[in-house]
Amino acid sequence: MEVSALYNSKIKCPVCEATIEYTKVRSKSIRLIKQDTDFCPWYEGENPVFYEAVICPECGYGSHVTTFEKINRYEKAKVKEIITPKWTKRSFTGHRTIEKALEAFKIVLMNLTSMEAKKSEIAKICLRIAWLYRYEGNKEQEDRFLEHALKNYKIAYHSEELSDGKFDEYVCMFIIGELSKRLGKLSDSSQWLSRLISCYSDPSQKYRISSRLIETTRELIQEIKDIKANQQAEGA
């Protein structure tokens, strides 16, 4: 008998304290095919990104799976005040289509906005929503959410302490440059990516920056130069 790629796990909702179930993809079933330069992963079979948004079916609290239990008293109060009164109980377990994943992520975004969460967290969810629209082939909505992600990442870069695990100030610089390029803001993109290269040439910072990230940054800078050269040639 073939084992399902999906399984349910239990967790206690930190807002209403109900024990809820959420669906995950078995790590053995995850097959990455490729990854875009803004870290958007493409999978064969079940896509774990679809299941990263965890929603409490009872009270409507929603969060990225990595931060579901990390909520303070003020944030809980905001969810109870703004989200729960309008919430219609419904389940998010089981197989998710792109539409169901989008619904779940947009609930997370509503939660984050209501809680006045960190801009880096809001940006992260906007980026996930943009990826979902990319999988669907909806360029207009993808760009709309990439714009939201870019705006929030810029605010986060200037106002937050970005030293949390995989996402630090250097990755933030890179993603701002990368999203700017995707949205056709080539001069902005060059500035951010060049700033990252400058940081890498500083011995006191170099050890904190992934060489792979710098490699991709250099490729993007070259890509932008090529695009600009082509635009000039076409305009000549």
Protein backbone atom coordinates (compact mmCIF):
# COMPACT_ATOMS: atom_id res chain seq x y z
CA MET A 1 0.00 0.00 0.00
CA GLU A 2 1.33 3.40 -1.00
CA VAL A 3 1.88 5.80 1.90
CA SER A 4 0.25 9.21 1.43
CA ALA A 5 2.61 12.17 0.95
CA LEU A 6 0.44 14.09 3.43
CA TYR A 7 -0.17 13.54 7.14
CA ASN A 8 -1.81 15.49 9.95
CA SER A 9 -0.09 16.78 13.05
CA LYS A 10 -1.63 18.26 16.21
CA ILE A 11 -0.87 21.58 17.82
CA LYS A 12 -2.50 23.75 20.48
CA CYS A 13 -3.80 27.09 19.24
CA PRO A 14 -2.08 29.76 21.38
CA VAL A 15 -5.07 32.12 20.98
CA CYS A 16 -8.17 30.01 21.78
CA GLU A 17 -6.31 26.98 23.23
CA ALA A 18 -8.17 24.45 21.07
CA THR A 19 -6.18 21.40 19.98
CA ILE A 20 -6.14 21.59 16.20
CA GLU A 21 -4.84 19.52 13.31
CA TYR A 22 -2.77 20.81 10.41
CA THR A 23 -1.45 19.01 7.34
CA LYS A 24 2.22 18.51 6.46
CA VAL A 25 4.12 16.89 3.58
CA ARG A 26 6.30 13.92 4.49
CA SER A 27 9.95 14.88 4.03
CA LYS A 28 10.55 11.65 2.03
CA SER A 29 7.92 12.80 -0.49
CA ILE A 30 9.48 16.22 -1.12
CA ARG A 31 11.23 16.39 -4.50
CA LEU A 32 12.69 19.78 -5.39
CA ILE A 33 13.11 20.32 -9.14
CA LYS A 34 14.49 23.87 -9.22
CA GLN A 35 14.54 27.17 -7.33
CA ASP A 36 14.03 30.68 -8.70
CA THR A 37 16.42 33.49 -7.74
CA ASP A 38 13.89 34.88 -5.21
CA PHE A 39 14.01 31.43 -3.49
CA CYS A 40 10.68 30.25 -4.97
CA PRO A 41 10.92 26.44 -4.99
CA TRP A 42 9.39 24.18 -7.65
CA TYR A 43 8.49 20.63 -6.65
CA GLU A 44 7.41 17.40 -8.26
CA GLY A 45 4.28 16.08 -6.54
CA GLU A 46 3.00 17.76 -3.37
CA ASN A 47 4.36 21.27 -2.82
CA PRO A 48 5.18 21.89 0.88
CA VAL A 49 4.81 25.67 0.36
CA PHE A 50 1.02 25.09 0.05
CA TYR A 51 0.96 23.85 3.66
CA GLU A 52 3.16 26.48 5.36
CA ALA A 53 0.13 28.56 6.41
CA VAL A 54 -1.43 27.06 9.55
CA ILE A 55 -4.98 28.17 10.40
CA CYS A 56 -6.96 27.51 13.58
CA PRO A 57 -10.41 26.38 12.35
CA GLU A 58 -11.97 27.50 15.64
CA CYS A 59 -10.86 31.14 16.08
CA GLY A 60 -9.30 32.10 12.73
CA TYR A 61 -5.79 32.67 14.05
CA GLY A 62 -3.30 31.98 11.27
CA SER A 63 0.48 32.03 11.01
CA HIS A 64 3.43 30.63 9.09
CA VAL A 65 4.12 27.16 10.47
CA THR A 66 7.48 28.29 11.92
CA THR A 67 5.95 31.07 14.03
CA PHE A 68 2.51 29.64 14.97
CA GLU A 69 3.30 29.43 18.69
CA LYS A 70 5.35 32.64 18.82
CA ILE A 71 2.61 35.12 19.67
CA ASN A 72 2.55 37.62 22.55
CA ARG A 73 -0.31 38.85 24.73
CA TYR A 74 -0.88 42.01 22.67
CA GLU A 75 -1.06 40.00 19.42
CA LYS A 76 -3.49 37.47 20.93
CA ALA A 77 -5.76 40.32 22.03
CA LYS A 78 -5.73 41.78 18.48
CA VAL A 79 -6.70 38.41 16.94
CA LYS A 80 -9.58 38.04 19.42
CA GLU A 81 -10.69 41.62 18.79
CA ILE A 82 -10.36 41.81 14.98
CA ILE A 83 -10.22 38.29 13.45
CA THR A 84 -12.34 35.95 15.63
CA PRO A 85 -15.62 37.98 15.65
CA LYS A 86 -15.78 37.78 11.82
CA TRP A 87 -14.52 34.21 11.57
CA THR A 88 -16.55 31.41 9.96
CA LYS A 89 -15.33 28.04 11.26
CA ARG A 90 -13.82 25.89 8.51
CA SER A 91 -11.15 23.25 8.03
CA PHE A 92 -7.83 23.63 6.23
CA THR A 93 -6.58 20.05 6.65
CA GLY A 94 -6.01 17.62 3.80
CA HIS A 95 -4.87 18.20 0.23
CA ARG A 96 -4.61 21.88 -0.74
CA THR A 97 -5.17 23.32 -4.19
CA ILE A 98 -3.50 26.64 -5.10
CA GLU A 99 -6.85 28.33 -4.34
CA LYS A 100 -7.03 26.78 -0.85
CA ALA A 101 -3.37 27.66 -0.19
CA LEU A 102 -4.01 31.26 -1.28
CA GLU A 103 -7.01 31.46 1.04
CA ALA A 104 -4.91 30.19 3.96
CA PHE A 105 -2.01 32.58 3.28
CA LYS A 106 -4.35 35.56 2.92
CA ILE A 107 -5.85 34.70 6.33
CA VAL A 108 -2.29 34.70 7.74
CA LEU A 109 -1.70 38.10 6.11
CA MET A 110 -4.90 39.46 7.69
CA ASN A 111 -3.73 38.16 11.08
CA LEU A 112 -0.28 39.76 10.71
CA THR A 113 -1.78 43.09 9.66
CA SER A 114 -4.24 43.01 12.58
CA MET A 115 -1.42 42.18 15.02
CA GLU A 116 0.80 44.95 13.59
CA ALA A 117 3.47 42.29 13.08
CA LYS A 118 7.04 42.83 11.95
CA LYS A 119 7.34 44.06 8.37
CA SER A 120 9.76 41.21 7.60
CA GLU A 121 7.05 38.68 8.56
CA ILE A 122 4.45 40.47 6.43
CA ALA A 123 6.92 40.58 3.51
CA LYS A 124 7.63 36.85 3.86
CA ILE A 125 3.91 36.01 3.55
CA CYS A 126 3.41 38.43 0.63
CA LEU A 127 6.32 36.70 -1.13
CA ARG A 128 4.71 33.27 -0.55
CA ILE A 129 1.43 34.57 -2.02
CA ALA A 130 3.34 35.92 -5.05
CA TRP A 131 4.90 32.46 -5.53
CA LEU A 132 1.46 30.81 -5.44
CA TYR A 133 0.27 33.18 -8.17
CA ARG A 134 3.46 32.34 -10.12
CA TYR A 135 2.63 28.63 -9.92
CA GLU A 136 -0.82 29.52 -11.24
CA GLY A 137 0.63 31.67 -14.06
CA ASN A 138 -1.14 34.83 -12.86
CA LYS A 139 1.56 37.46 -13.57
CA GLU A 140 -0.59 40.47 -12.62
CA GLN A 141 -1.35 39.19 -9.11
CA GLU A 142 2.19 37.84 -8.71
CA ASP A 143 3.64 41.31 -9.40
CA ARG A 144 1.09 42.92 -7.08
CA PHE A 145 2.25 40.79 -4.15
CA LEU A 146 5.93 41.10 -5.11
CA GLU A 147 5.42 44.89 -4.80
CA HIS A 148 3.91 44.42 -1.31
CA ALA A 149 6.81 42.14 -0.34
CA LEU A 150 9.40 44.60 -1.67
CA LYS A 151 7.86 47.56 0.17
CA ASN A 152 7.78 45.66 3.48
CA TYR A 153 11.30 44.24 3.09
CA LYS A 154 12.62 47.78 2.56
CA ILE A 155 10.93 49.00 5.74
CA ALA A 156 12.23 45.93 7.60
CA TYR A 157 15.79 46.55 6.40
CA HIS A 158 15.78 50.09 7.79
CA SER A 159 13.83 49.45 11.00
CA GLU A 160 14.31 45.87 12.23
CA GLU A 161 17.12 43.89 13.80
CA LEU A 162 17.62 41.30 11.07
CA SER A 163 19.75 38.58 12.60
CA ASP A 164 17.20 35.80 12.89
CA GLY A 165 18.59 32.50 11.57
CA LYS A 166 18.44 32.23 7.79
CA PHE A 167 17.17 35.77 7.24
CA ASP A 168 19.72 38.47 8.05
CA GLU A 169 20.43 41.96 6.68
CA TYR A 170 22.47 40.53 3.78
CA VAL A 171 19.73 38.17 2.60
CA CYS A 172 17.32 41.11 2.98
CA MET A 173 19.57 43.28 0.75
CA PHE A 174 19.68 40.49 -1.81
CA ILE A 175 15.92 39.92 -1.86
CA ILE A 176 15.25 43.67 -2.21
CA GLY A 177 17.64 43.76 -5.18
CA GLU A 178 16.15 40.60 -6.69
CA LEU A 179 12.50 41.69 -6.34
CA SER A 180 13.36 45.15 -7.70
CA LYS A 181 14.84 43.45 -10.79
CA ARG A 182 11.75 41.25 -11.25
CA LEU A 183 9.57 44.36 -11.12
CA GLY A 184 11.67 46.21 -13.70
CA LYS A 185 13.26 48.64 -11.21
CA LEU A 186 16.74 48.03 -12.63
CA SER A 187 18.60 51.03 -11.15
CA ASP A 188 17.23 50.29 -7.67
CA SER A 189 18.16 46.66 -8.10
CA SER A 190 21.75 47.51 -9.12
CA GLN A 191 22.16 49.77 -6.07
CA TRP A 192 21.02 47.12 -3.57
CA LEU A 193 23.00 44.29 -5.17
CA SER A 194 26.14 46.44 -5.44
CA ARG A 195 25.78 47.36 -1.77
CA LEU A 196 25.79 43.66 -0.93
CA ILE A 197 28.97 43.12 -2.99
CA SER A 198 30.59 46.05 -1.09
CA CYS A 199 29.72 44.41 2.23
CA TYR A 200 31.32 41.17 1.01
CA SER A 201 34.56 42.99 0.19
CA ASP A 202 34.73 44.20 3.82
CA PRO A 203 36.74 41.60 5.84
CA SER A 204 34.71 42.34 8.99
CA GLN A 205 31.47 41.34 7.20
CA LYS A 206 32.60 38.81 4.59
CA TYR A 207 32.45 35.78 6.91
CA ARG A 208 28.76 36.48 7.62
CA ILE A 209 27.73 36.35 3.95
CA SER A 210 27.17 33.15 1.97
CA SER A 211 29.50 32.84 -1.03
CA ARG A 212 26.62 31.25 -2.97
CA LEU A 213 24.52 34.36 -2.32
CA ILE A 214 27.34 36.53 -3.68
CA GLU A 215 27.68 34.29 -6.74
CA THR A 216 23.96 34.75 -7.53
CA THR A 217 24.26 38.50 -6.82
CA ARG A 218 27.07 38.83 -9.39
CA GLU A 219 24.99 36.89 -11.93
CA LEU A 220 22.02 39.23 -11.36
CA ILE A 221 24.21 42.34 -11.72
CA GLN A 222 25.49 40.98 -15.05
CA GLU A 223 21.91 40.18 -16.12
CA ILE A 224 20.86 43.77 -15.37
CA LYS A 225 23.81 45.11 -17.40
CA ASP A 226 22.74 42.89 -20.32
CA ILE A 227 19.11 44.05 -20.08
CA LYS A 228 20.20 47.72 -20.02
CA ALA A 229 22.56 47.17 -22.98
CA ASN A 230 19.75 45.55 -24.97
CA GLN A 231 17.38 48.39 -24.10
CA GLN A 232 19.96 50.95 -25.27
CA ALA A 233 20.58 49.00 -28.49
CA GLU A 234 16.85 48.85 -29.20
CA GLY A 235 16.47 52.56 -28.51
CA ALA A 236 19.46 53.52 -30.69
